[in-house]
């Protein structure tokens, strides 16, 4: 996983822009936002590792990564340990 703590703001911006293109694919890095507005409180402050795990499970289960459903919420709660 990428350690984003020791990079410049320009490097972060470049990674974020690239990762935006990867949303919905197996190449997603966990940096860019992808989730439905309903889940902003769960994911915006989550680590990129947890974001990637949520994203990858959505893909694995055939869910729209920007969608909203009981299953989306359950996956997010399980990974973020928030209810």
N, C-alpha and C. Protein backbone atom coordinates (compact mmCIF):
# COMPACT_ATOMS: atom_id res chain seq x y z
N UNK A 1 0.85 -1.18 0.00
CA UNK A 1 0.00 0.00 0.00
C UNK A 1 0.89 1.24 0.00
N UNK A 2 0.39 2.29 -0.54
CA UNK A 2 1.14 3.54 -0.66
C UNK A 2 1.15 4.28 0.68
N UNK A 3 2.33 4.74 1.10
CA UNK A 3 2.43 5.59 2.27
C UNK A 3 2.39 7.03 1.79
N UNK A 4 1.29 7.71 2.06
CA UNK A 4 1.10 9.07 1.57
C UNK A 4 1.56 10.12 2.56
N UNK A 5 2.16 9.72 3.66
CA UNK A 5 2.56 10.67 4.69
C UNK A 5 3.80 11.46 4.33
N UNK A 6 4.64 10.93 3.48
CA UNK A 6 5.93 11.57 3.21
C UNK A 6 6.09 12.00 1.76
N UNK A 7 5.01 12.45 1.14
CA UNK A 7 5.11 12.90 -0.25
C UNK A 7 4.72 14.37 -0.33
N UNK A 8 5.14 15.01 -1.39
CA UNK A 8 4.81 16.42 -1.59
C UNK A 8 3.35 16.58 -1.98
N UNK A 9 2.85 17.77 -1.83
CA UNK A 9 1.46 18.03 -2.21
C UNK A 9 1.26 17.84 -3.71
N UNK A 10 2.27 18.15 -4.51
CA UNK A 10 2.15 17.94 -5.96
C UNK A 10 2.09 16.45 -6.27
N UNK A 11 2.91 15.66 -5.59
CA UNK A 11 2.89 14.22 -5.82
C UNK A 11 1.53 13.65 -5.43
N UNK A 12 0.96 14.12 -4.31
CA UNK A 12 -0.36 13.65 -3.89
C UNK A 12 -1.41 14.02 -4.94
N UNK A 13 -1.36 15.23 -5.43
CA UNK A 13 -2.32 15.67 -6.45
C UNK A 13 -2.22 14.80 -7.70
N UNK A 14 -1.00 14.48 -8.09
CA UNK A 14 -0.81 13.64 -9.27
C UNK A 14 -1.35 12.23 -9.05
N UNK A 15 -1.10 11.66 -7.87
CA UNK A 15 -1.59 10.32 -7.53
C UNK A 15 -3.12 10.33 -7.48
N UNK A 16 -3.69 11.36 -6.87
CA UNK A 16 -5.14 11.47 -6.78
C UNK A 16 -5.77 11.53 -8.17
N UNK A 17 -5.18 12.33 -9.05
CA UNK A 17 -5.71 12.44 -10.42
C UNK A 17 -5.65 11.10 -11.15
N UNK A 18 -4.54 10.39 -11.00
CA UNK A 18 -4.40 9.08 -11.62
C UNK A 18 -5.41 8.10 -11.02
N UNK A 19 -5.55 8.11 -9.70
CA UNK A 19 -6.44 7.16 -9.04
C UNK A 19 -7.89 7.40 -9.41
N UNK A 20 -8.25 8.63 -9.70
CA UNK A 20 -9.61 8.94 -10.14
C UNK A 20 -9.95 8.15 -11.40
N UNK A 21 -8.95 7.98 -12.26
CA UNK A 21 -9.15 7.21 -13.49
C UNK A 21 -9.29 5.71 -13.21
N UNK A 22 -8.81 5.27 -12.05
CA UNK A 22 -8.84 3.85 -11.70
C UNK A 22 -10.08 3.44 -10.92
N UNK A 23 -10.91 4.39 -10.53
CA UNK A 23 -12.14 4.05 -9.79
C UNK A 23 -12.98 3.11 -10.65
N UNK A 24 -13.42 2.02 -10.04
CA UNK A 24 -14.23 1.03 -10.75
C UNK A 24 -13.41 -0.06 -11.41
N UNK A 25 -12.09 -0.03 -11.20
CA UNK A 25 -11.21 -1.04 -11.77
C UNK A 25 -10.38 -1.70 -10.67
N UNK A 26 -9.73 -2.78 -11.02
CA UNK A 26 -8.85 -3.46 -10.05
C UNK A 26 -7.57 -2.68 -9.79
N UNK A 27 -7.32 -1.61 -10.53
CA UNK A 27 -6.12 -0.80 -10.35
C UNK A 27 -6.28 0.30 -9.31
N UNK A 28 -7.49 0.48 -8.77
CA UNK A 28 -7.75 1.53 -7.79
C UNK A 28 -6.78 1.42 -6.62
N UNK A 29 -6.22 2.58 -6.20
CA UNK A 29 -5.20 2.62 -5.15
C UNK A 29 -5.74 2.95 -3.76
N UNK A 30 -6.94 3.48 -3.67
CA UNK A 30 -7.49 3.84 -2.37
C UNK A 30 -7.35 5.31 -2.03
N UNK A 31 -6.99 6.14 -2.99
CA UNK A 31 -6.77 7.57 -2.74
C UNK A 31 -7.99 8.40 -3.13
N UNK A 32 -8.50 8.21 -4.32
CA UNK A 32 -9.61 9.02 -4.84
C UNK A 32 -10.94 8.63 -4.20
N UNK A 33 -11.85 9.60 -4.14
CA UNK A 33 -13.19 9.32 -3.64
C UNK A 33 -13.97 8.57 -4.71
N UNK A 34 -14.78 7.61 -4.28
CA UNK A 34 -15.61 6.85 -5.22
C UNK A 34 -17.01 6.62 -4.69
N UNK A 35 -17.22 6.79 -3.41
CA UNK A 35 -18.42 6.33 -2.74
C UNK A 35 -19.59 7.30 -2.87
N UNK A 36 -20.77 6.75 -2.62
CA UNK A 36 -22.01 7.49 -2.59
C UNK A 36 -21.98 8.49 -1.43
N UNK A 37 -22.63 9.60 -1.61
CA UNK A 37 -22.70 10.65 -0.59
C UNK A 37 -23.18 10.11 0.76
N UNK A 38 -24.04 9.08 0.73
CA UNK A 38 -24.57 8.49 1.96
C UNK A 38 -23.47 7.96 2.87
N UNK A 39 -22.32 7.63 2.30
CA UNK A 39 -21.26 6.97 3.07
C UNK A 39 -20.07 7.87 3.35
N UNK A 40 -20.25 9.17 3.16
CA UNK A 40 -19.13 10.11 3.33
C UNK A 40 -18.53 10.07 4.73
N UNK A 41 -19.36 9.89 5.74
CA UNK A 41 -18.85 9.90 7.12
C UNK A 41 -18.07 8.63 7.44
N UNK A 42 -18.31 7.58 6.72
CA UNK A 42 -17.58 6.34 6.94
C UNK A 42 -16.23 6.34 6.23
N UNK A 43 -16.18 6.87 5.02
CA UNK A 43 -15.01 6.65 4.17
C UNK A 43 -14.08 7.83 3.98
N UNK A 44 -14.55 9.05 4.14
CA UNK A 44 -13.66 10.18 3.82
C UNK A 44 -12.45 10.25 4.74
N UNK A 45 -12.58 9.80 5.98
CA UNK A 45 -11.45 9.83 6.90
C UNK A 45 -10.80 8.47 7.08
N UNK A 46 -11.24 7.48 6.30
CA UNK A 46 -10.66 6.14 6.38
C UNK A 46 -9.30 6.11 5.68
N UNK A 47 -8.51 5.14 6.04
CA UNK A 47 -7.20 4.97 5.39
C UNK A 47 -7.39 4.54 3.94
N UNK A 48 -6.38 4.79 3.13
CA UNK A 48 -6.47 4.35 1.74
C UNK A 48 -6.57 2.83 1.66
N UNK A 49 -5.99 2.14 2.63
CA UNK A 49 -6.08 0.67 2.66
C UNK A 49 -7.54 0.22 2.85
N UNK A 50 -8.25 0.84 3.79
CA UNK A 50 -9.65 0.49 4.01
C UNK A 50 -10.53 0.88 2.82
N UNK A 51 -10.25 2.03 2.23
CA UNK A 51 -11.01 2.45 1.05
C UNK A 51 -10.84 1.43 -0.07
N UNK A 52 -9.61 0.98 -0.29
CA UNK A 52 -9.36 0.00 -1.34
C UNK A 52 -10.06 -1.31 -1.04
N UNK A 53 -10.06 -1.75 0.22
CA UNK A 53 -10.75 -2.99 0.59
C UNK A 53 -12.25 -2.88 0.31
N UNK A 54 -12.86 -1.75 0.68
CA UNK A 54 -14.28 -1.53 0.40
C UNK A 54 -14.53 -1.55 -1.10
N UNK A 55 -13.76 -0.79 -1.83
CA UNK A 55 -13.89 -0.71 -3.28
C UNK A 55 -13.78 -2.09 -3.92
N UNK A 56 -12.77 -2.85 -3.52
CA UNK A 56 -12.54 -4.17 -4.10
C UNK A 56 -13.66 -5.15 -3.78
N UNK A 57 -14.22 -5.05 -2.58
CA UNK A 57 -15.36 -5.92 -2.23
C UNK A 57 -16.60 -5.54 -3.03
N UNK A 58 -16.81 -4.24 -3.24
CA UNK A 58 -17.92 -3.81 -4.09
C UNK A 58 -17.78 -4.46 -5.47
N UNK A 59 -16.58 -4.38 -6.05
CA UNK A 59 -16.36 -4.97 -7.37
C UNK A 59 -16.58 -6.47 -7.35
N UNK A 60 -16.03 -7.13 -6.34
CA UNK A 60 -16.15 -8.58 -6.23
C UNK A 60 -17.60 -9.03 -6.17
N UNK A 61 -18.43 -8.25 -5.49
CA UNK A 61 -19.84 -8.60 -5.33
C UNK A 61 -20.72 -8.03 -6.45
N UNK A 62 -20.10 -7.39 -7.43
CA UNK A 62 -20.85 -6.85 -8.57
C UNK A 62 -21.66 -5.62 -8.24
N UNK A 63 -21.26 -4.90 -7.19
CA UNK A 63 -21.98 -3.69 -6.79
C UNK A 63 -21.39 -2.48 -7.51
N UNK A 64 -22.24 -1.51 -7.78
CA UNK A 64 -21.79 -0.23 -8.32
C UNK A 64 -20.98 0.46 -7.23
N UNK A 65 -19.73 0.85 -7.51
CA UNK A 65 -18.89 1.43 -6.47
C UNK A 65 -19.44 2.76 -5.96
N UNK A 66 -20.27 3.43 -6.75
CA UNK A 66 -20.89 4.67 -6.31
C UNK A 66 -22.33 4.50 -5.87
N UNK A 67 -22.74 3.26 -5.72
CA UNK A 67 -24.13 2.97 -5.39
C UNK A 67 -24.42 3.03 -3.90
N UNK A 68 -25.68 2.81 -3.58
CA UNK A 68 -26.14 2.84 -2.19
C UNK A 68 -27.16 1.72 -1.99
N UNK A 69 -26.90 0.87 -1.01
CA UNK A 69 -27.83 -0.21 -0.68
C UNK A 69 -27.49 -0.74 0.70
N UNK A 70 -28.32 -1.62 1.22
CA UNK A 70 -28.03 -2.24 2.51
C UNK A 70 -26.71 -3.01 2.44
N UNK A 71 -26.44 -3.66 1.31
CA UNK A 71 -25.20 -4.44 1.17
C UNK A 71 -23.98 -3.52 1.15
N UNK A 72 -24.07 -2.40 0.45
CA UNK A 72 -22.98 -1.42 0.46
C UNK A 72 -22.65 -1.02 1.90
N UNK A 73 -23.69 -0.66 2.64
CA UNK A 73 -23.50 -0.20 4.01
C UNK A 73 -22.88 -1.29 4.88
N UNK A 74 -23.34 -2.51 4.75
CA UNK A 74 -22.81 -3.62 5.55
C UNK A 74 -21.31 -3.82 5.29
N UNK A 75 -20.92 -3.79 4.03
CA UNK A 75 -19.50 -3.94 3.69
C UNK A 75 -18.69 -2.81 4.31
N UNK A 76 -19.16 -1.59 4.16
CA UNK A 76 -18.45 -0.43 4.72
C UNK A 76 -18.33 -0.54 6.22
N UNK A 77 -19.41 -0.88 6.90
CA UNK A 77 -19.38 -0.99 8.36
C UNK A 77 -18.43 -2.10 8.81
N UNK A 78 -18.42 -3.22 8.10
CA UNK A 78 -17.53 -4.31 8.47
C UNK A 78 -16.06 -3.92 8.35
N UNK A 79 -15.72 -3.19 7.32
CA UNK A 79 -14.32 -2.84 7.09
C UNK A 79 -13.89 -1.65 7.94
N UNK A 80 -14.75 -0.68 8.14
CA UNK A 80 -14.37 0.51 8.92
C UNK A 80 -14.62 0.35 10.41
N UNK A 81 -15.29 -0.72 10.79
CA UNK A 81 -15.64 -0.96 12.19
C UNK A 81 -16.50 0.16 12.77
N UNK A 82 -17.31 0.78 11.91
CA UNK A 82 -18.23 1.83 12.34
C UNK A 82 -19.66 1.34 12.08
N UNK A 83 -20.57 1.72 12.95
CA UNK A 83 -21.96 1.34 12.73
C UNK A 83 -22.87 2.53 12.85
